[in-house]
Amino acid sequence: MQNLEELYQLVLKRKENPKEGSYTDYLFTKGLDKILKKVGEESTEVIVAAKNPDKGELVYETADLLYHVMVLLVEQGVEFDEIKVELAKREGLMSKTQDRRKIQDL
């Protein structure tokens, strides 16, 4: 798997064509509460891993988080393209905590 869009598509296919016994099928069968619990757990694990000197752990935990976020998006019917559009809207803009002026000289 080379990118997040491919991961999203794989998760979507697993939702449409469940593979009994797979972890992805387990999450979809358990439903939104289980998926949200896993996203929360994985988020915490990323934070803890970021505090440790082993960057490999951070990579591992981030991969877990991204996978579970993709499961959440599919479960909620959010298309990956919607996320890409939202990110594109933010390109070149400053933080919401300030006036959203375009950043010059990137």
N, C-alpha and C. Protein backbone atom coordinates (compact mmCIF):
# COMPACT_ATOMS: atom_id res chain seq x y z
N MET A 1 0.85 -1.17 0.00
CA MET A 1 0.00 0.00 0.00
C MET A 1 0.90 1.23 0.00
N GLN A 2 0.63 2.14 -0.91
CA GLN A 2 1.52 3.28 -1.07
C GLN A 2 0.96 4.59 -0.54
N ASN A 3 -0.36 4.71 -0.42
CA ASN A 3 -0.88 5.99 0.05
C ASN A 3 -2.21 5.82 0.81
N LEU A 4 -2.63 6.90 1.42
CA LEU A 4 -3.84 6.85 2.24
C LEU A 4 -5.09 6.59 1.42
N GLU A 5 -5.11 7.06 0.20
CA GLU A 5 -6.28 6.81 -0.64
C GLU A 5 -6.44 5.31 -0.92
N GLU A 6 -5.32 4.63 -1.14
CA GLU A 6 -5.39 3.19 -1.34
C GLU A 6 -5.89 2.48 -0.08
N LEU A 7 -5.43 2.95 1.08
CA LEU A 7 -5.91 2.37 2.33
C LEU A 7 -7.41 2.57 2.48
N TYR A 8 -7.87 3.79 2.18
CA TYR A 8 -9.30 4.08 2.26
C TYR A 8 -10.08 3.13 1.34
N GLN A 9 -9.62 2.97 0.12
CA GLN A 9 -10.31 2.11 -0.84
C GLN A 9 -10.33 0.65 -0.38
N LEU A 10 -9.25 0.20 0.22
CA LEU A 10 -9.20 -1.17 0.73
C LEU A 10 -10.22 -1.36 1.85
N VAL A 11 -10.28 -0.40 2.77
CA VAL A 11 -11.24 -0.48 3.87
C VAL A 11 -12.67 -0.44 3.33
N LEU A 12 -12.92 0.43 2.35
CA LEU A 12 -14.24 0.52 1.74
C LEU A 12 -14.64 -0.80 1.10
N LYS A 13 -13.72 -1.43 0.40
CA LYS A 13 -14.01 -2.73 -0.24
C LYS A 13 -14.31 -3.79 0.82
N ARG A 14 -13.59 -3.73 1.94
CA ARG A 14 -13.85 -4.69 3.01
C ARG A 14 -15.22 -4.48 3.63
N LYS A 15 -15.66 -3.23 3.69
CA LYS A 15 -17.00 -2.95 4.22
C LYS A 15 -18.07 -3.49 3.26
N GLU A 16 -17.84 -3.27 1.96
CA GLU A 16 -18.79 -3.72 0.94
C GLU A 16 -18.78 -5.23 0.77
N ASN A 17 -17.62 -5.84 0.94
CA ASN A 17 -17.45 -7.29 0.78
C ASN A 17 -16.73 -7.84 2.01
N PRO A 18 -17.47 -8.02 3.10
CA PRO A 18 -16.83 -8.45 4.35
C PRO A 18 -16.07 -9.77 4.20
N LYS A 19 -14.93 -9.81 4.84
CA LYS A 19 -14.11 -11.02 4.87
C LYS A 19 -14.19 -11.56 6.29
N GLU A 20 -15.02 -12.57 6.48
CA GLU A 20 -15.26 -13.09 7.82
C GLU A 20 -13.96 -13.46 8.50
N GLY A 21 -13.85 -13.02 9.75
CA GLY A 21 -12.66 -13.32 10.53
C GLY A 21 -11.60 -12.23 10.44
N SER A 22 -11.78 -11.27 9.53
CA SER A 22 -10.79 -10.20 9.42
C SER A 22 -11.03 -9.16 10.50
N TYR A 23 -9.97 -8.46 10.86
CA TYR A 23 -10.07 -7.42 11.88
C TYR A 23 -10.98 -6.29 11.41
N THR A 24 -10.89 -5.95 10.13
CA THR A 24 -11.74 -4.88 9.58
C THR A 24 -13.20 -5.27 9.70
N ASP A 25 -13.53 -6.49 9.36
CA ASP A 25 -14.91 -6.97 9.48
C ASP A 25 -15.36 -6.93 10.94
N TYR A 26 -14.47 -7.31 11.84
CA TYR A 26 -14.77 -7.27 13.27
C TYR A 26 -15.16 -5.85 13.69
N LEU A 27 -14.38 -4.86 13.26
CA LEU A 27 -14.67 -3.47 13.64
C LEU A 27 -16.03 -3.02 13.10
N PHE A 28 -16.28 -3.31 11.83
CA PHE A 28 -17.57 -2.91 11.24
C PHE A 28 -18.74 -3.64 11.90
N THR A 29 -18.54 -4.89 12.27
CA THR A 29 -19.60 -5.65 12.93
C THR A 29 -19.89 -5.08 14.32
N LYS A 30 -18.85 -4.70 15.04
CA LYS A 30 -19.02 -4.14 16.38
C LYS A 30 -19.63 -2.74 16.33
N GLY A 31 -19.37 -2.00 15.25
CA GLY A 31 -20.03 -0.72 15.06
C GLY A 31 -19.25 0.50 15.51
N LEU A 32 -19.95 1.62 15.45
CA LEU A 32 -19.34 2.92 15.67
C LEU A 32 -18.66 3.06 17.03
N ASP A 33 -19.29 2.61 18.09
CA ASP A 33 -18.69 2.77 19.41
C ASP A 33 -17.33 2.09 19.50
N LYS A 34 -17.22 0.89 18.96
CA LYS A 34 -15.94 0.16 18.99
C LYS A 34 -14.91 0.89 18.13
N ILE A 35 -15.32 1.37 16.97
CA ILE A 35 -14.40 2.08 16.08
C ILE A 35 -13.90 3.35 16.77
N LEU A 36 -14.80 4.10 17.40
CA LEU A 36 -14.40 5.32 18.11
C LEU A 36 -13.46 5.01 19.26
N LYS A 37 -13.72 3.94 19.97
CA LYS A 37 -12.84 3.53 21.07
C LYS A 37 -11.44 3.26 20.54
N LYS A 38 -11.34 2.57 19.41
CA LYS A 38 -10.04 2.26 18.83
C LYS A 38 -9.33 3.52 18.34
N VAL A 39 -10.05 4.45 17.74
CA VAL A 39 -9.44 5.71 17.30
C VAL A 39 -8.87 6.45 18.52
N GLY A 40 -9.63 6.48 19.60
CA GLY A 40 -9.16 7.12 20.82
C GLY A 40 -7.91 6.44 21.38
N GLU A 41 -7.94 5.12 21.45
CA GLU A 41 -6.78 4.36 21.96
C GLU A 41 -5.54 4.61 21.11
N GLU A 42 -5.73 4.54 19.79
CA GLU A 42 -4.59 4.72 18.89
C GLU A 42 -4.06 6.14 18.95
N SER A 43 -4.92 7.12 19.13
CA SER A 43 -4.48 8.52 19.27
C SER A 43 -3.57 8.66 20.49
N THR A 44 -4.00 8.06 21.58
CA THR A 44 -3.20 8.11 22.81
C THR A 44 -1.86 7.42 22.61
N GLU A 45 -1.86 6.29 21.92
CA GLU A 45 -0.62 5.57 21.67
C GLU A 45 0.35 6.37 20.80
N VAL A 46 -0.18 7.14 19.86
CA VAL A 46 0.67 8.02 19.04
C VAL A 46 1.32 9.07 19.93
N ILE A 47 0.54 9.65 20.82
CA ILE A 47 1.07 10.68 21.72
C ILE A 47 2.19 10.11 22.59
N VAL A 48 1.96 8.96 23.17
CA VAL A 48 2.97 8.33 24.02
C VAL A 48 4.21 8.00 23.20
N ALA A 49 4.01 7.45 22.01
CA ALA A 49 5.15 7.08 21.16
C ALA A 49 5.97 8.29 20.77
N ALA A 50 5.32 9.42 20.58
CA ALA A 50 6.03 10.64 20.19
C ALA A 50 6.93 11.14 21.31
N LYS A 51 6.64 10.77 22.53
CA LYS A 51 7.46 11.18 23.67
C LYS A 51 8.67 10.27 23.87
N ASN A 52 8.70 9.15 23.20
CA ASN A 52 9.79 8.19 23.34
C ASN A 52 10.83 8.40 22.24
N PRO A 53 12.08 8.03 22.51
CA PRO A 53 13.14 8.25 21.52
C PRO A 53 13.05 7.34 20.30
N ASP A 54 12.32 6.24 20.39
CA ASP A 54 12.24 5.28 19.28
C ASP A 54 11.24 5.76 18.24
N LYS A 55 11.72 6.30 17.14
CA LYS A 55 10.83 6.81 16.07
C LYS A 55 10.08 5.67 15.39
N GLY A 56 10.63 4.48 15.44
CA GLY A 56 9.94 3.32 14.86
C GLY A 56 8.61 3.07 15.53
N GLU A 57 8.56 3.29 16.83
CA GLU A 57 7.30 3.13 17.56
C GLU A 57 6.28 4.17 17.11
N LEU A 58 6.74 5.40 16.88
CA LEU A 58 5.85 6.45 16.40
C LEU A 58 5.30 6.10 15.02
N VAL A 59 6.14 5.59 14.16
CA VAL A 59 5.69 5.18 12.82
C VAL A 59 4.65 4.08 12.94
N TYR A 60 4.92 3.09 13.76
CA TYR A 60 4.01 1.95 13.94
C TYR A 60 2.65 2.42 14.47
N GLU A 61 2.66 3.24 15.50
CA GLU A 61 1.41 3.69 16.11
C GLU A 61 0.65 4.65 15.19
N THR A 62 1.36 5.45 14.43
CA THR A 62 0.69 6.35 13.48
C THR A 62 0.00 5.55 12.39
N ALA A 63 0.63 4.49 11.93
CA ALA A 63 0.00 3.61 10.93
C ALA A 63 -1.29 3.02 11.49
N ASP A 64 -1.26 2.59 12.75
CA ASP A 64 -2.47 2.07 13.39
C ASP A 64 -3.57 3.13 13.44
N LEU A 65 -3.20 4.34 13.83
CA LEU A 65 -4.18 5.43 13.92
C LEU A 65 -4.78 5.73 12.56
N LEU A 66 -3.96 5.84 11.54
CA LEU A 66 -4.47 6.15 10.20
C LEU A 66 -5.42 5.07 9.71
N TYR A 67 -5.09 3.81 9.96
CA TYR A 67 -5.98 2.72 9.58
C TYR A 67 -7.34 2.87 10.28
N HIS A 68 -7.33 3.11 11.58
CA HIS A 68 -8.59 3.21 12.32
C HIS A 68 -9.39 4.44 11.92
N VAL A 69 -8.71 5.53 11.57
CA VAL A 69 -9.41 6.72 11.07
C VAL A 69 -10.08 6.40 9.74
N MET A 70 -9.43 5.64 8.89
CA MET A 70 -10.04 5.27 7.61
C MET A 70 -11.28 4.40 7.84
N VAL A 71 -11.21 3.49 8.80
CA VAL A 71 -12.38 2.68 9.14
C VAL A 71 -13.51 3.59 9.61
N LEU A 72 -13.19 4.57 10.43
CA LEU A 72 -14.20 5.52 10.92
C LEU A 72 -14.83 6.29 9.76
N LEU A 73 -14.01 6.78 8.84
CA LEU A 73 -14.55 7.53 7.70
C LEU A 73 -15.50 6.67 6.88
N VAL A 74 -15.10 5.44 6.61
CA VAL A 74 -15.96 4.54 5.83
C VAL A 74 -17.25 4.26 6.60
N GLU A 75 -17.14 4.00 7.88
CA GLU A 75 -18.33 3.72 8.70
C GLU A 75 -19.32 4.88 8.67
N GLN A 76 -18.79 6.09 8.66
CA GLN A 76 -19.63 7.29 8.70
C GLN A 76 -20.01 7.79 7.31
N GLY A 77 -19.57 7.11 6.27
CA GLY A 77 -19.93 7.50 4.92
C GLY A 77 -19.23 8.76 4.43
N VAL A 78 -18.06 9.04 5.00
CA VAL A 78 -17.27 10.19 4.56
C VAL A 78 -16.27 9.70 3.53
N GLU A 79 -16.33 10.28 2.34
CA GLU A 79 -15.40 9.87 1.28
C GLU A 79 -14.05 10.52 1.48
N PHE A 80 -12.99 9.81 1.12
CA PHE A 80 -11.65 10.33 1.28
C PHE A 80 -11.46 11.62 0.48
N ASP A 81 -12.13 11.72 -0.64
CA ASP A 81 -12.05 12.95 -1.45
C ASP A 81 -12.55 14.16 -0.67
N GLU A 82 -13.52 13.97 0.21
CA GLU A 82 -14.02 15.08 1.03
C GLU A 82 -12.91 15.61 1.95
N ILE A 83 -12.10 14.73 2.46
CA ILE A 83 -10.98 15.13 3.32
C ILE A 83 -9.94 15.88 2.49
N LYS A 84 -9.67 15.38 1.29
CA LYS A 84 -8.70 16.05 0.42
C LYS A 84 -9.18 17.45 0.03
N VAL A 85 -10.47 17.61 -0.24
CA VAL A 85 -11.02 18.92 -0.58
C VAL A 85 -10.87 19.87 0.61
N GLU A 86 -11.18 19.38 1.80
CA GLU A 86 -11.05 20.21 3.00
C GLU A 86 -9.61 20.65 3.22
N LEU A 87 -8.68 19.74 3.05
CA LEU A 87 -7.27 20.09 3.19
C LEU A 87 -6.83 21.11 2.15
N ALA A 88 -7.33 20.96 0.94
CA ALA A 88 -6.98 21.90 -0.13
C ALA A 88 -7.49 23.30 0.19
N LYS A 89 -8.64 23.39 0.83
CA LYS A 89 -9.19 24.69 1.21
C LYS A 89 -8.27 25.41 2.19
N ARG A 90 -7.54 24.66 2.97
CA ARG A 90 -6.70 25.22 4.02
C ARG A 90 -5.31 25.60 3.53
N GLU A 91 -4.96 25.13 2.38
CA GLU A 91 -3.60 25.39 1.87
C GLU A 91 -3.34 26.88 1.75
N GLY A 92 -2.23 27.33 2.32
CA GLY A 92 -1.85 28.73 2.23
C GLY A 92 -2.56 29.63 3.20
N LEU A 93 -3.32 29.05 4.14
CA LEU A 93 -4.05 29.86 5.11
C LEU A 93 -3.42 29.73 6.48
N MET A 94 -3.56 30.76 7.27
CA MET A 94 -3.04 30.73 8.63
C MET A 94 -4.02 30.01 9.55
N SER A 95 -3.62 29.82 10.78
CA SER A 95 -4.42 29.15 11.78
C SER A 95 -5.74 29.86 12.01
N LYS A 96 -6.75 29.10 12.42
CA LYS A 96 -8.06 29.68 12.74
C LYS A 96 -8.00 30.62 13.93
N THR A 97 -6.93 30.54 14.72
CA THR A 97 -6.83 31.40 15.90
C THR A 97 -6.50 32.83 15.53
N GLN A 98 -6.19 33.06 14.25
CA GLN A 98 -5.90 34.41 13.77
C GLN A 98 -6.77 34.67 12.54
N ASP A 99 -6.76 35.91 12.09
CA ASP A 99 -7.44 36.18 10.82
C ASP A 99 -6.83 35.29 9.76
N ARG A 100 -7.66 34.74 8.93
CA ARG A 100 -7.18 33.79 7.93
C ARG A 100 -6.71 34.52 6.67
N ARG A 101 -5.56 35.14 6.81
CA ARG A 101 -4.94 35.79 5.66
C ARG A 101 -4.15 34.76 4.88
N LYS A 102 -3.98 35.01 3.61
CA LYS A 102 -3.12 34.14 2.82
C LYS A 102 -1.68 34.35 3.23
N ILE A 103 -0.95 33.26 3.32
CA ILE A 103 0.46 33.34 3.67
C ILE A 103 1.25 33.69 2.40
N GLN A 104 2.05 34.68 2.51
CA GLN A 104 2.88 35.10 1.37
C GLN A 104 4.25 34.42 1.48
N ASP A 105 4.91 34.30 0.37
CA ASP A 105 6.29 33.80 0.33
C ASP A 105 6.46 32.42 0.95
N LEU A 106 5.73 31.46 0.47
CA LEU A 106 5.92 30.09 0.96
C LEU A 106 7.13 29.47 0.34
